[in-house]
Amino acid sequence: MERKLLNRIKVILAEKGKTNKWLSEQLGKDPAIVSKWVTNTSQPNVEMLIQIAKCLEVKVDDLLRTE
């Protein structure tokens, strides 16, 4: 089964020059959880997407794939 790429967190982190570790520290989350979000193995909930967007100074829409 092909894994769906639902979020663009990895892309936005790269564009901003930030790391998974930096994001996990900002959110107070385990780096392993953030890694799963970045690799699209699992997805953050809506509230967490809002927090991620604030940390990265982007709109929530920028974190989501629409295709």
PDB file of N, CA and C in Angstrom:
ATOM      1  N   MET A   1       0.842  -1.183   0.000  1.00  0.00           N
ATOM      2  CA  MET A   1       0.000   0.000   0.000  1.00  0.00           C
ATOM      3  C   MET A   1       0.885   1.245   0.000  1.00  0.00           C
ATOM      4  N   GLU A   2       0.564   2.169  -0.881  1.00  0.00           N
ATOM      5  CA  GLU A   2       1.339   3.405  -0.976  1.00  0.00           C
ATOM      6  C   GLU A   2       0.942   4.367   0.131  1.00  0.00           C
ATOM      7  N   ARG A   3       1.943   4.955   0.743  1.00  0.00           N
ATOM      8  CA  ARG A   3       1.685   5.912   1.821  1.00  0.00           C
ATOM      9  C   ARG A   3       1.314   7.256   1.202  1.00  0.00           C
ATOM     10  N   LYS A   4       0.254   7.860   1.708  1.00  0.00           N
ATOM     11  CA  LYS A   4      -0.178   9.164   1.209  1.00  0.00           C
ATOM     12  C   LYS A   4       0.640  10.266   1.883  1.00  0.00           C
ATOM     13  N   LEU A   5       1.091  11.188   1.077  1.00  0.00           N
ATOM     14  CA  LEU A   5       1.808  12.349   1.592  1.00  0.00           C
ATOM     15  C   LEU A   5       0.773  13.444   1.828  1.00  0.00           C
ATOM     16  N   LEU A   6       0.376  13.595   3.077  1.00  0.00           N
ATOM     17  CA  LEU A   6      -0.707  14.517   3.404  1.00  0.00           C
ATOM     18  C   LEU A   6      -0.222  15.885   3.865  1.00  0.00           C
ATOM     19  N   ASN A   7       0.972  15.938   4.417  1.00  0.00           N
ATOM     20  CA  ASN A   7       1.447  17.239   4.902  1.00  0.00           C
ATOM     21  C   ASN A   7       2.770  17.617   4.247  1.00  0.00           C
ATOM     22  N   ARG A   8       3.100  18.892   4.367  1.00  0.00           N
ATOM     23  CA  ARG A   8       4.313  19.458   3.781  1.00  0.00           C
ATOM     24  C   ARG A   8       5.269  19.945   4.869  1.00  0.00           C
ATOM     25  N   ILE A   9       5.188  19.370   6.049  1.00  0.00           N
ATOM     26  CA  ILE A   9       6.026  19.840   7.158  1.00  0.00           C
ATOM     27  C   ILE A   9       7.505  19.754   6.797  1.00  0.00           C
ATOM     28  N   LYS A  10       7.915  18.655   6.181  1.00  0.00           N
ATOM     29  CA  LYS A  10       9.316  18.479   5.808  1.00  0.00           C
ATOM     30  C   LYS A  10       9.780  19.588   4.859  1.00  0.00           C
ATOM     31  N   VAL A  11       8.950  19.907   3.884  1.00  0.00           N
ATOM     32  CA  VAL A  11       9.284  20.941   2.905  1.00  0.00           C
ATOM     33  C   VAL A  11       9.417  22.304   3.578  1.00  0.00           C
ATOM     34  N   ILE A  12       8.465  22.632   4.435  1.00  0.00           N
ATOM     35  CA  ILE A  12       8.482  23.930   5.112  1.00  0.00           C
ATOM     36  C   ILE A  12       9.684  24.036   6.051  1.00  0.00           C
ATOM     37  N   LEU A  13       9.988  22.957   6.775  1.00  0.00           N
ATOM     38  CA  LEU A  13      11.175  22.973   7.644  1.00  0.00           C
ATOM     39  C   LEU A  13      12.429  23.269   6.828  1.00  0.00           C
ATOM     40  N   ALA A  14      12.555  22.612   5.668  1.00  0.00           N
ATOM     41  CA  ALA A  14      13.728  22.825   4.821  1.00  0.00           C
ATOM     42  C   ALA A  14      13.782  24.269   4.317  1.00  0.00           C
ATOM     43  N   GLU A  15      12.630  24.785   3.894  1.00  0.00           N
ATOM     44  CA  GLU A  15      12.584  26.165   3.402  1.00  0.00           C
ATOM     45  C   GLU A  15      12.986  27.163   4.488  1.00  0.00           C
ATOM     46  N   LYS A  16      12.619  26.864   5.725  1.00  0.00           N
ATOM     47  CA  LYS A  16      12.909  27.766   6.841  1.00  0.00           C
ATOM     48  C   LYS A  16      14.278  27.501   7.467  1.00  0.00           C
ATOM     49  N   GLY A  17      14.967  26.443   7.024  1.00  0.00           N
ATOM     50  CA  GLY A  17      16.269  26.109   7.585  1.00  0.00           C
ATOM     51  C   GLY A  17      16.180  25.568   9.006  1.00  0.00           C
ATOM     52  N   LYS A  18      15.069  24.922   9.321  1.00  0.00           N
ATOM     53  CA  LYS A  18      14.835  24.381  10.666  1.00  0.00           C
ATOM     54  C   LYS A  18      14.913  22.853  10.632  1.00  0.00           C
ATOM     55  N   THR A  19      15.122  22.257  11.801  1.00  0.00           N
ATOM     56  CA  THR A  19      15.240  20.804  11.901  1.00  0.00           C
ATOM     57  C   THR A  19      14.051  20.212  12.651  1.00  0.00           C
ATOM     58  N   ASN A  20      13.917  18.902  12.528  1.00  0.00           N
ATOM     59  CA  ASN A  20      12.891  18.181  13.303  1.00  0.00           C
ATOM     60  C   ASN A  20      13.112  18.430  14.791  1.00  0.00           C
ATOM     61  N   LYS A  21      14.383  18.394  15.202  1.00  0.00           N
ATOM     62  CA  LYS A  21      14.707  18.578  16.614  1.00  0.00           C
ATOM     63  C   LYS A  21      14.247  19.956  17.093  1.00  0.00           C
ATOM     64  N   TRP A  22      14.500  20.989  16.287  1.00  0.00           N
ATOM     65  CA  TRP A  22      14.072  22.340  16.641  1.00  0.00           C
ATOM     66  C   TRP A  22      12.551  22.376  16.820  1.00  0.00           C
ATOM     67  N   LEU A  23      11.825  21.768  15.870  1.00  0.00           N
ATOM     68  CA  LEU A  23      10.368  21.779  15.936  1.00  0.00           C
ATOM     69  C   LEU A  23       9.877  21.023  17.165  1.00  0.00           C
ATOM     70  N   SER A  24      10.484  19.884  17.465  1.00  0.00           N
ATOM     71  CA  SER A  24      10.060  19.116  18.642  1.00  0.00           C
ATOM     72  C   SER A  24      10.291  19.911  19.924  1.00  0.00           C
ATOM     73  N   GLU A  25      11.386  20.659  19.988  1.00  0.00           N
ATOM     74  CA  GLU A  25      11.655  21.504  21.168  1.00  0.00           C
ATOM     75  C   GLU A  25      10.627  22.630  21.278  1.00  0.00           C
ATOM     76  N   GLN A  26      10.282  23.242  20.157  1.00  0.00           N
ATOM     77  CA  GLN A  26       9.311  24.341  20.162  1.00  0.00           C
ATOM     78  C   GLN A  26       7.929  23.867  20.617  1.00  0.00           C
ATOM     79  N   LEU A  27       7.578  22.647  20.220  1.00  0.00           N
ATOM     80  CA  LEU A  27       6.249  22.111  20.517  1.00  0.00           C
ATOM     81  C   LEU A  27       6.199  21.328  21.828  1.00  0.00           C
ATOM     82  N   GLY A  28       7.363  21.009  22.396  1.00  0.00           N
ATOM     83  CA  GLY A  28       7.403  20.187  23.603  1.00  0.00           C
ATOM     84  C   GLY A  28       6.979  18.757  23.330  1.00  0.00           C
ATOM     85  N   LYS A  29       7.306  18.275  22.137  1.00  0.00           N
ATOM     86  CA  LYS A  29       6.934  16.915  21.729  1.00  0.00           C
ATOM     87  C   LYS A  29       8.183  16.059  21.568  1.00  0.00           C
ATOM     88  N   ASP A  30       7.995  14.757  21.714  1.00  0.00           N
ATOM     89  CA  ASP A  30       9.080  13.808  21.509  1.00  0.00           C
ATOM     90  C   ASP A  30       9.561  13.899  20.056  1.00  0.00           C
ATOM     91  N   PRO A  31      10.879  13.938  19.837  1.00  0.00           N
ATOM     92  CA  PRO A  31      11.393  13.997  18.462  1.00  0.00           C
ATOM     93  C   PRO A  31      10.907  12.851  17.582  1.00  0.00           C
ATOM     94  N   ALA A  32      10.648  11.693  18.153  1.00  0.00           N
ATOM     95  CA  ALA A  32      10.168  10.553  17.368  1.00  0.00           C
ATOM     96  C   ALA A  32       8.777  10.832  16.785  1.00  0.00           C
ATOM     97  N   ILE A  33       7.951  11.529  17.544  1.00  0.00           N
ATOM     98  CA  ILE A  33       6.607  11.875  17.063  1.00  0.00           C
ATOM     99  C   ILE A  33       6.720  12.873  15.914  1.00  0.00           C
ATOM    100  N   VAL A  34       7.550  13.884  16.083  1.00  0.00           N
ATOM    101  CA  VAL A  34       7.734  14.883  15.035  1.00  0.00           C
ATOM    102  C   VAL A  34       8.303  14.216  13.783  1.00  0.00           C
ATOM    103  N   SER A  35       9.215  13.278  13.959  1.00  0.00           N
ATOM    104  CA  SER A  35       9.779  12.556  12.821  1.00  0.00           C
ATOM    105  C   SER A  35       8.695  11.817  12.044  1.00  0.00           C
ATOM    106  N   LYS A  36       7.748  11.225  12.742  1.00  0.00           N
ATOM    107  CA  LYS A  36       6.642  10.525  12.072  1.00  0.00           C
ATOM    108  C   LYS A  36       5.784  11.496  11.270  1.00  0.00           C
ATOM    109  N   TRP A  37       5.587  12.707  11.795  1.00  0.00           N
ATOM    110  CA  TRP A  37       4.822  13.707  11.048  1.00  0.00           C
ATOM    111  C   TRP A  37       5.581  14.136   9.801  1.00  0.00           C
ATOM    112  N   VAL A  38       6.883  14.370   9.961  1.00  0.00           N
ATOM    113  CA  VAL A  38       7.709  14.859   8.861  1.00  0.00           C
ATOM    114  C   VAL A  38       7.781  13.825   7.733  1.00  0.00           C
ATOM    115  N   THR A  39       7.814  12.554   8.088  1.00  0.00           N
ATOM    116  CA  THR A  39       7.893  11.503   7.077  1.00  0.00           C
ATOM    117  C   THR A  39       6.518  11.022   6.625  1.00  0.00           C
ATOM    118  N   ASN A  40       5.463  11.640   7.129  1.00  0.00           N
ATOM    119  CA  ASN A  40       4.083  11.293   6.795  1.00  0.00           C
ATOM    120  C   ASN A  40       3.718   9.866   7.205  1.00  0.00           C
ATOM    121  N   THR A  41       4.414   9.338   8.206  1.00  0.00           N
ATOM    122  CA  THR A  41       4.061   8.032   8.758  1.00  0.00           C
ATOM    123  C   THR A  41       2.786   8.154   9.581  1.00  0.00           C
ATOM    124  N   SER A  42       2.639   9.282  10.271  1.00  0.00           N
ATOM    125  CA  SER A  42       1.407   9.614  10.988  1.00  0.00           C
ATOM    126  C   SER A  42       1.168  11.108  10.811  1.00  0.00           C
ATOM    127  N   GLN A  43      -0.004  11.560  11.221  1.00  0.00           N
ATOM    128  CA  GLN A  43      -0.374  12.958  11.010  1.00  0.00           C
ATOM    129  C   GLN A  43      -0.707  13.632  12.335  1.00  0.00           C
ATOM    130  N   PRO A  44      -0.313  14.896  12.480  1.00  0.00           N
ATOM    131  CA  PRO A  44      -0.702  15.650  13.677  1.00  0.00           C
ATOM    132  C   PRO A  44      -2.188  15.995  13.606  1.00  0.00           C
ATOM    133  N   ASN A  45      -2.798  16.197  14.769  1.00  0.00           N
ATOM    134  CA  ASN A  45      -4.200  16.614  14.770  1.00  0.00           C
ATOM    135  C   ASN A  45      -4.290  18.095  14.388  1.00  0.00           C
ATOM    136  N   VAL A  46      -5.512  18.577  14.224  1.00  0.00           N
ATOM    137  CA  VAL A  46      -5.733  19.947  13.765  1.00  0.00           C
ATOM    138  C   VAL A  46      -5.119  20.964  14.721  1.00  0.00           C
ATOM    139  N   GLU A  47      -5.300  20.762  16.020  1.00  0.00           N
ATOM    140  CA  GLU A  47      -4.741  21.698  16.990  1.00  0.00           C
ATOM    141  C   GLU A  47      -3.218  21.767  16.881  1.00  0.00           C
ATOM    142  N   MET A  48      -2.590  20.609  16.676  1.00  0.00           N
ATOM    143  CA  MET A  48      -1.133  20.575  16.550  1.00  0.00           C
ATOM    144  C   MET A  48      -0.691  21.230  15.238  1.00  0.00           C
ATOM    145  N   LEU A  49      -1.455  21.043  14.169  1.00  0.00           N
ATOM    146  CA  LEU A  49      -1.121  21.715  12.911  1.00  0.00           C
ATOM    147  C   LEU A  49      -1.114  23.233  13.085  1.00  0.00           C
ATOM    148  N   ILE A  50      -2.055  23.735  13.867  1.00  0.00           N
ATOM    149  CA  ILE A  50      -2.115  25.171  14.130  1.00  0.00           C
ATOM    150  C   ILE A  50      -0.858  25.614  14.873  1.00  0.00           C
ATOM    151  N   GLN A  51      -0.439  24.836  15.878  1.00  0.00           N
ATOM    152  CA  GLN A  51       0.780  25.167  16.629  1.00  0.00           C
ATOM    153  C   GLN A  51       2.021  25.104  15.736  1.00  0.00           C
ATOM    154  N   ILE A  52       2.074  24.088  14.878  1.00  0.00           N
ATOM    155  CA  ILE A  52       3.209  23.951  13.957  1.00  0.00           C
ATOM    156  C   ILE A  52       3.272  25.167  13.037  1.00  0.00           C
ATOM    157  N   ALA A  53       2.125  25.560  12.503  1.00  0.00           N
ATOM    158  CA  ALA A  53       2.071  26.719  11.611  1.00  0.00           C
ATOM    159  C   ALA A  53       2.572  27.976  12.324  1.00  0.00           C
ATOM    160  N   LYS A  54       2.179  28.161  13.576  1.00  0.00           N
ATOM    161  CA  LYS A  54       2.636  29.332  14.336  1.00  0.00           C
ATOM    162  C   LYS A  54       4.153  29.297  14.525  1.00  0.00           C
ATOM    163  N   CYS A  55       4.689  28.137  14.876  1.00  0.00           N
ATOM    164  CA  CYS A  55       6.142  28.011  15.076  1.00  0.00           C
ATOM    165  C   CYS A  55       6.909  28.331  13.797  1.00  0.00           C
ATOM    166  N   LEU A  56       6.368  27.878  12.675  1.00  0.00           N
ATOM    167  CA  LEU A  56       7.051  28.053  11.399  1.00  0.00           C
ATOM    168  C   LEU A  56       6.658  29.343  10.686  1.00  0.00           C
ATOM    169  N   GLU A  57       5.752  30.094  11.308  1.00  0.00           N
ATOM    170  CA  GLU A  57       5.296  31.368  10.761  1.00  0.00           C
ATOM    171  C   GLU A  57       4.744  31.220   9.344  1.00  0.00           C
ATOM    172  N   VAL A  58       3.854  30.228   9.192  1.00  0.00           N
ATOM    173  CA  VAL A  58       3.155  29.999   7.926  1.00  0.00           C
ATOM    174  C   VAL A  58       1.669  29.789   8.229  1.00  0.00           C
ATOM    175  N   LYS A  59       0.862  29.779   7.181  1.00  0.00           N
ATOM    176  CA  LYS A  59      -0.553  29.459   7.343  1.00  0.00           C
ATOM    177  C   LYS A  59      -0.710  27.950   7.420  1.00  0.00           C
ATOM    178  N   VAL A  60      -1.745  27.500   8.097  1.00  0.00           N
ATOM    179  CA  VAL A  60      -2.015  26.058   8.187  1.00  0.00           C
ATOM    180  C   VAL A  60      -2.138  25.474   6.788  1.00  0.00           C
ATOM    181  N   ASP A  61      -2.760  26.199   5.884  1.00  0.00           N
ATOM    182  CA  ASP A  61      -2.923  25.715   4.501  1.00  0.00           C
ATOM    183  C   ASP A  61      -1.580  25.394   3.857  1.00  0.00           C
ATOM    184  N   ASP A  62      -0.531  26.130   4.226  1.00  0.00           N
ATOM    185  CA  ASP A  62       0.795  25.888   3.654  1.00  0.00           C
ATOM    186  C   ASP A  62       1.366  24.537   4.072  1.00  0.00           C
ATOM    187  N   LEU A  63       0.855  23.998   5.178  1.00  0.00           N
ATOM    188  CA  LEU A  63       1.359  22.710   5.678  1.00  0.00           C
ATOM    189  C   LEU A  63       0.659  21.510   5.050  1.00  0.00           C
ATOM    190  N   LEU A  64      -0.432  21.755   4.330  1.00  0.00           N
ATOM    191  CA  LEU A  64      -1.239  20.666   3.805  1.00  0.00           C
ATOM    192  C   LEU A  64      -1.086  20.519   2.300  1.00  0.00           C
ATOM    193  N   ARG A  65      -1.048  19.272   1.857  1.00  0.00           N
ATOM    194  CA  ARG A  65      -1.064  18.992   0.421  1.00  0.00           C
ATOM    195  C   ARG A  65      -2.524  18.990  -0.017  1.00  0.00           C
ATOM    196  N   THR A  66      -2.798  19.614  -1.139  1.00  0.00           N
ATOM    197  CA  THR A  66      -4.177  19.704  -1.601  1.00  0.00           C
ATOM    198  C   THR A  66      -4.465  18.803  -2.797  1.00  0.00           C
ATOM    199  N   GLU A  67      -3.440  18.146  -3.315  1.00  0.00           N
ATOM    200  CA  GLU A  67      -3.646  17.299  -4.489  1.00  0.00           C
ATOM    201  C   GLU A  67      -4.132  15.916  -4.135  1.00  0.00           C
TER     202      GLU A  67
END
